[in-house]
Amino acid sequence: MDDRMAEAMSIVRRSAAWSAGAGLIPIPLVDIGAIAGVQVKMIRDLAKVYGVEFPEVRAKALTSGLAGSVLPYLLTLGSSGYLFSMAKAIPIVGPVIAIAAMPGFASAATYAVGKVFAQHFAGGGSLLDFDTEAKKEEIAKEFAEARSEAKKSPSKPAVA
């Protein structure tokens, strides 16, 4: 692993930890917005590492595309990120369920998105040629790997 990729993966792991924290926000859908904000910052930081121009409008559009396309796709694979967020609205039981599950989902999703962006930038890609639809399967694969690693070692964060 070269120095830039090592720095990029450090950013990805740190962002995944921040996303896990954002998953603890007790207000439904506000947590999803906070996670998206962490992801935009992560993509900006990754772009800086690789010297990629970062038009913020494009990054926000990509993050919206990820939330509107990739996250529902991950839900169909058995994950429940939005459901965990919405569960916070159910008195007493909902927040307990969400607090147990949402940080792991957020961490794994951010890790997957970050890893795919890091690889894209390392290969000479930019924000302008990042195709969310084309990367959907790759993000899902990285997400599943991050979740699998977390299950193997429940005492460690999903992406430590």
Foldseek 3Di string as FASTA:
>chain_A
DDPLLVVLLVLLQVLLQVLLVLLLPLAFPSSVVSLLVSLLVSLVVLCVSLVADPDSVLSSVVSVCCVVPQVVVLVVVPADQNVLSVLSPPPPPSSVSSNVRNSQQSSLLSSLSSVVSNVCSVVVHHSVPDDCVVCSVSSSVSSVQLSVCCVVPVVDRSRD
